[in-house]
Amino acid sequence: MERKFLKTHEWYCEKCNKIGISDYAQHELGDIVYVELPSVGDPVEAGKAFGNVESVKGVSEVFSPVSGTVAEVNTDLESQPELINQAPYDAWMIKVTPSAPAEGLLSEEEYQKLIAK
């Protein structure tokens, strides 16, 4: 799965239109205990928060890499938020129907350079 990234550590798969948080982000957050996600049909806007991830360290907003409408929500995360810690690239949060192409995202290589700093 080819992913693009926001500097705020969210990933986006253009092929499957899924959004989640990166392995780096879940590692920095620590044990995730709760995830607050939007509902199907809700609008999302590129660069704006669409939900929250609560960990033992605090609450962090999750930002959308693309504008559009929520098509699907990963309901498994409601009862098992720790799935994000276990496999952040499998534990997607939402699937969107984009209203425009994603812009300004980092490639995997660019993102790895960012987090290496």
C-alpha atoms as a PDB file:
ATOM      1  CA  MET A   1       0.000   0.000   0.000  1.00  0.00           C
ATOM      2  CA  GLU A   2       1.501   3.316  -1.042  1.00  0.00           C
ATOM      3  CA  ARG A   3       1.017   5.979   1.593  1.00  0.00           C
ATOM      4  CA  LYS A   4       1.509   9.736   1.663  1.00  0.00           C
ATOM      5  CA  PHE A   5       1.949  11.652   4.905  1.00  0.00           C
ATOM      6  CA  LEU A   6       1.107  14.918   6.583  1.00  0.00           C
ATOM      7  CA  LYS A   7       3.788  16.619   8.686  1.00  0.00           C
ATOM      8  CA  THR A   8       1.393  16.052  11.612  1.00  0.00           C
ATOM      9  CA  HIS A   9       1.956  12.259  11.230  1.00  0.00           C
ATOM     10  CA  GLU A  10      -1.266  11.111   9.542  1.00  0.00           C
ATOM     11  CA  TRP A  11      -1.041   8.780   6.565  1.00  0.00           C
ATOM     12  CA  TYR A  12      -3.280   8.620   3.509  1.00  0.00           C
ATOM     13  CA  CYS A  13      -3.615   5.852   0.953  1.00  0.00           C
ATOM     14  CA  GLU A  14      -4.822   7.454  -2.285  1.00  0.00           C
ATOM     15  CA  LYS A  15      -5.629   4.073  -3.825  1.00  0.00           C
ATOM     16  CA  CYS A  16      -7.963   2.971  -0.998  1.00  0.00           C
ATOM     17  CA  ASN A  17      -8.823   6.465   0.396  1.00  0.00           C
ATOM     18  CA  LYS A  18      -8.049   5.412   3.971  1.00  0.00           C
ATOM     19  CA  ILE A  19      -6.551   7.647   6.667  1.00  0.00           C
ATOM     20  CA  GLY A  20      -4.707   6.702   9.858  1.00  0.00           C
ATOM     21  CA  ILE A  21      -1.782   7.758  12.023  1.00  0.00           C
ATOM     22  CA  SER A  22       1.809   6.758  11.400  1.00  0.00           C
ATOM     23  CA  ASP A  23       3.908   4.274  13.318  1.00  0.00           C
ATOM     24  CA  TYR A  24       5.976   7.205  14.563  1.00  0.00           C
ATOM     25  CA  ALA A  25       2.846   8.944  15.885  1.00  0.00           C
ATOM     26  CA  GLN A  26       1.515   5.893  17.730  1.00  0.00           C
ATOM     27  CA  HIS A  27       4.952   5.329  19.253  1.00  0.00           C
ATOM     28  CA  GLU A  28       5.161   8.941  20.452  1.00  0.00           C
ATOM     29  CA  LEU A  29       1.602   8.815  21.856  1.00  0.00           C
ATOM     30  CA  GLY A  30       2.136   5.628  23.835  1.00  0.00           C
ATOM     31  CA  ASP A  31      -0.720   3.264  24.677  1.00  0.00           C
ATOM     32  CA  ILE A  32      -3.864   4.423  22.892  1.00  0.00           C
ATOM     33  CA  VAL A  33      -6.937   4.021  25.089  1.00  0.00           C
ATOM     34  CA  TYR A  34      -9.696   5.809  23.152  1.00  0.00           C
ATOM     35  CA  VAL A  35     -10.391   7.017  19.613  1.00  0.00           C
ATOM     36  CA  GLU A  36     -13.037   9.596  18.704  1.00  0.00           C
ATOM     37  CA  LEU A  37     -13.984   9.476  15.024  1.00  0.00           C
ATOM     38  CA  PRO A  38     -16.555  11.240  12.845  1.00  0.00           C
ATOM     39  CA  SER A  39     -19.691   9.581  11.486  1.00  0.00           C
ATOM     40  CA  VAL A  40     -20.288   8.303   7.970  1.00  0.00           C
ATOM     41  CA  GLY A  41     -21.465  11.225   5.858  1.00  0.00           C
ATOM     42  CA  ASP A  42     -19.579  13.853   7.859  1.00  0.00           C
ATOM     43  CA  PRO A  43     -17.422  16.278   5.844  1.00  0.00           C
ATOM     44  CA  VAL A  44     -13.643  16.378   6.333  1.00  0.00           C
ATOM     45  CA  GLU A  45     -11.365  19.186   5.222  1.00  0.00           C
ATOM     46  CA  ALA A  46      -7.699  18.898   4.311  1.00  0.00           C
ATOM     47  CA  GLY A  47      -5.535  20.154   7.170  1.00  0.00           C
ATOM     48  CA  LYS A  48      -8.427  20.244   9.656  1.00  0.00           C
ATOM     49  CA  ALA A  49      -9.007  17.897  12.605  1.00  0.00           C
ATOM     50  CA  PHE A  50     -11.572  15.126  12.128  1.00  0.00           C
ATOM     51  CA  GLY A  51     -11.105  13.232  15.382  1.00  0.00           C
ATOM     52  CA  ASN A  52      -9.053  12.627  18.505  1.00  0.00           C
ATOM     53  CA  VAL A  53      -6.770   9.920  19.793  1.00  0.00           C
ATOM     54  CA  GLU A  54      -6.477   9.593  23.556  1.00  0.00           C
ATOM     55  CA  SER A  55      -3.419   7.902  24.986  1.00  0.00           C
ATOM     56  CA  VAL A  56      -1.901   7.517  28.419  1.00  0.00           C
ATOM     57  CA  LYS A  57       0.048  10.729  27.650  1.00  0.00           C
ATOM     58  CA  GLY A  58      -2.919  12.902  26.609  1.00  0.00           C
ATOM     59  CA  VAL A  59      -5.316  13.699  23.778  1.00  0.00           C
ATOM     60  CA  SER A  60      -4.161  14.502  20.242  1.00  0.00           C
ATOM     61  CA  GLU A  61      -6.164  15.728  17.286  1.00  0.00           C
ATOM     62  CA  VAL A  62      -6.085  13.769  14.035  1.00  0.00           C
ATOM     63  CA  PHE A  63      -5.973  15.832  10.837  1.00  0.00           C
ATOM     64  CA  SER A  64      -7.295  14.956   7.402  1.00  0.00           C
ATOM     65  CA  PRO A  65      -4.850  14.857   4.492  1.00  0.00           C
ATOM     66  CA  VAL A  66      -7.710  15.351   2.015  1.00  0.00           C
ATOM     67  CA  SER A  67     -11.090  17.080   1.728  1.00  0.00           C
ATOM     68  CA  GLY A  68     -14.230  15.031   1.178  1.00  0.00           C
ATOM     69  CA  THR A  69     -16.878  13.009   2.958  1.00  0.00           C
ATOM     70  CA  VAL A  70     -16.483  10.141   5.425  1.00  0.00           C
ATOM     71  CA  ALA A  71     -17.489   6.970   3.557  1.00  0.00           C
ATOM     72  CA  GLU A  72     -16.615   4.441   6.263  1.00  0.00           C
ATOM     73  CA  VAL A  73     -15.392   4.388   9.858  1.00  0.00           C
ATOM     74  CA  ASN A  74     -13.224   1.649  11.355  1.00  0.00           C
ATOM     75  CA  THR A  75     -15.647   0.648  14.129  1.00  0.00           C
ATOM     76  CA  ASP A  76     -13.164  -1.958  15.451  1.00  0.00           C
ATOM     77  CA  LEU A  77     -11.262   0.946  17.019  1.00  0.00           C
ATOM     78  CA  GLU A  78     -14.216   1.791  19.281  1.00  0.00           C
ATOM     79  CA  SER A  79     -13.678  -1.358  21.326  1.00  0.00           C
ATOM     80  CA  GLN A  80     -10.016  -1.997  20.433  1.00  0.00           C
ATOM     81  CA  PRO A  81      -8.159   1.334  20.107  1.00  0.00           C
ATOM     82  CA  GLU A  82      -4.914  -0.524  20.872  1.00  0.00           C
ATOM     83  CA  LEU A  83      -5.043  -1.906  17.303  1.00  0.00           C
ATOM     84  CA  ILE A  84      -3.421   1.380  16.282  1.00  0.00           C
ATOM     85  CA  ASN A  85      -0.425   0.613  18.527  1.00  0.00           C
ATOM     86  CA  GLN A  86      -0.221  -2.954  17.239  1.00  0.00           C
ATOM     87  CA  ALA A  87      -0.443  -2.201  13.494  1.00  0.00           C
ATOM     88  CA  PRO A  88      -0.866   1.509  12.658  1.00  0.00           C
ATOM     89  CA  TYR A  89      -0.879   0.963   8.899  1.00  0.00           C
ATOM     90  CA  ASP A  90      -3.581  -1.706   9.090  1.00  0.00           C
ATOM     91  CA  ALA A  91      -5.669   0.084  11.728  1.00  0.00           C
ATOM     92  CA  TRP A  92      -7.014   2.819   9.470  1.00  0.00           C
ATOM     93  CA  MET A  93      -9.431   5.270  11.063  1.00  0.00           C
ATOM     94  CA  ILE A  94     -11.678   6.513   8.286  1.00  0.00           C
ATOM     95  CA  LYS A  95     -12.224   5.967   4.595  1.00  0.00           C
ATOM     96  CA  VAL A  96     -13.155   9.071   2.614  1.00  0.00           C
ATOM     97  CA  THR A  97     -14.754   9.949  -0.682  1.00  0.00           C
ATOM     98  CA  PRO A  98     -12.418  12.770  -1.749  1.00  0.00           C
ATOM     99  CA  SER A  99     -13.875  15.947  -3.244  1.00  0.00           C
ATOM    100  CA  ALA A 100     -10.484  16.982  -4.671  1.00  0.00           C
ATOM    101  CA  PRO A 101      -7.063  15.367  -5.054  1.00  0.00           C
ATOM    102  CA  ALA A 102      -4.810  15.464  -2.005  1.00  0.00           C
ATOM    103  CA  GLU A 103      -2.111  18.127  -2.258  1.00  0.00           C
ATOM    104  CA  GLY A 104       1.130  18.882  -0.475  1.00  0.00           C
ATOM    105  CA  LEU A 105       1.584  15.463   1.113  1.00  0.00           C
ATOM    106  CA  LEU A 106       4.974  13.936   1.834  1.00  0.00           C
ATOM    107  CA  SER A 107       6.193  10.772   0.150  1.00  0.00           C
ATOM    108  CA  GLU A 108       7.315   7.886   2.380  1.00  0.00           C
ATOM    109  CA  GLU A 109      10.938   8.924   1.796  1.00  0.00           C
ATOM    110  CA  GLU A 110      10.270  12.600   2.628  1.00  0.00           C
ATOM    111  CA  TYR A 111       8.369  11.583   5.772  1.00  0.00           C
ATOM    112  CA  GLN A 112      11.209   9.315   6.949  1.00  0.00           C
ATOM    113  CA  LYS A 113      13.617  12.244   6.578  1.00  0.00           C
ATOM    114  CA  LEU A 114      11.245  14.470   8.590  1.00  0.00           C
ATOM    115  CA  ILE A 115      10.980  12.069  11.546  1.00  0.00           C
ATOM    116  CA  ALA A 116      14.714  11.293  11.486  1.00  0.00           C
ATOM    117  CA  LYS A 117      15.483  14.907  12.504  1.00  0.00           C
END
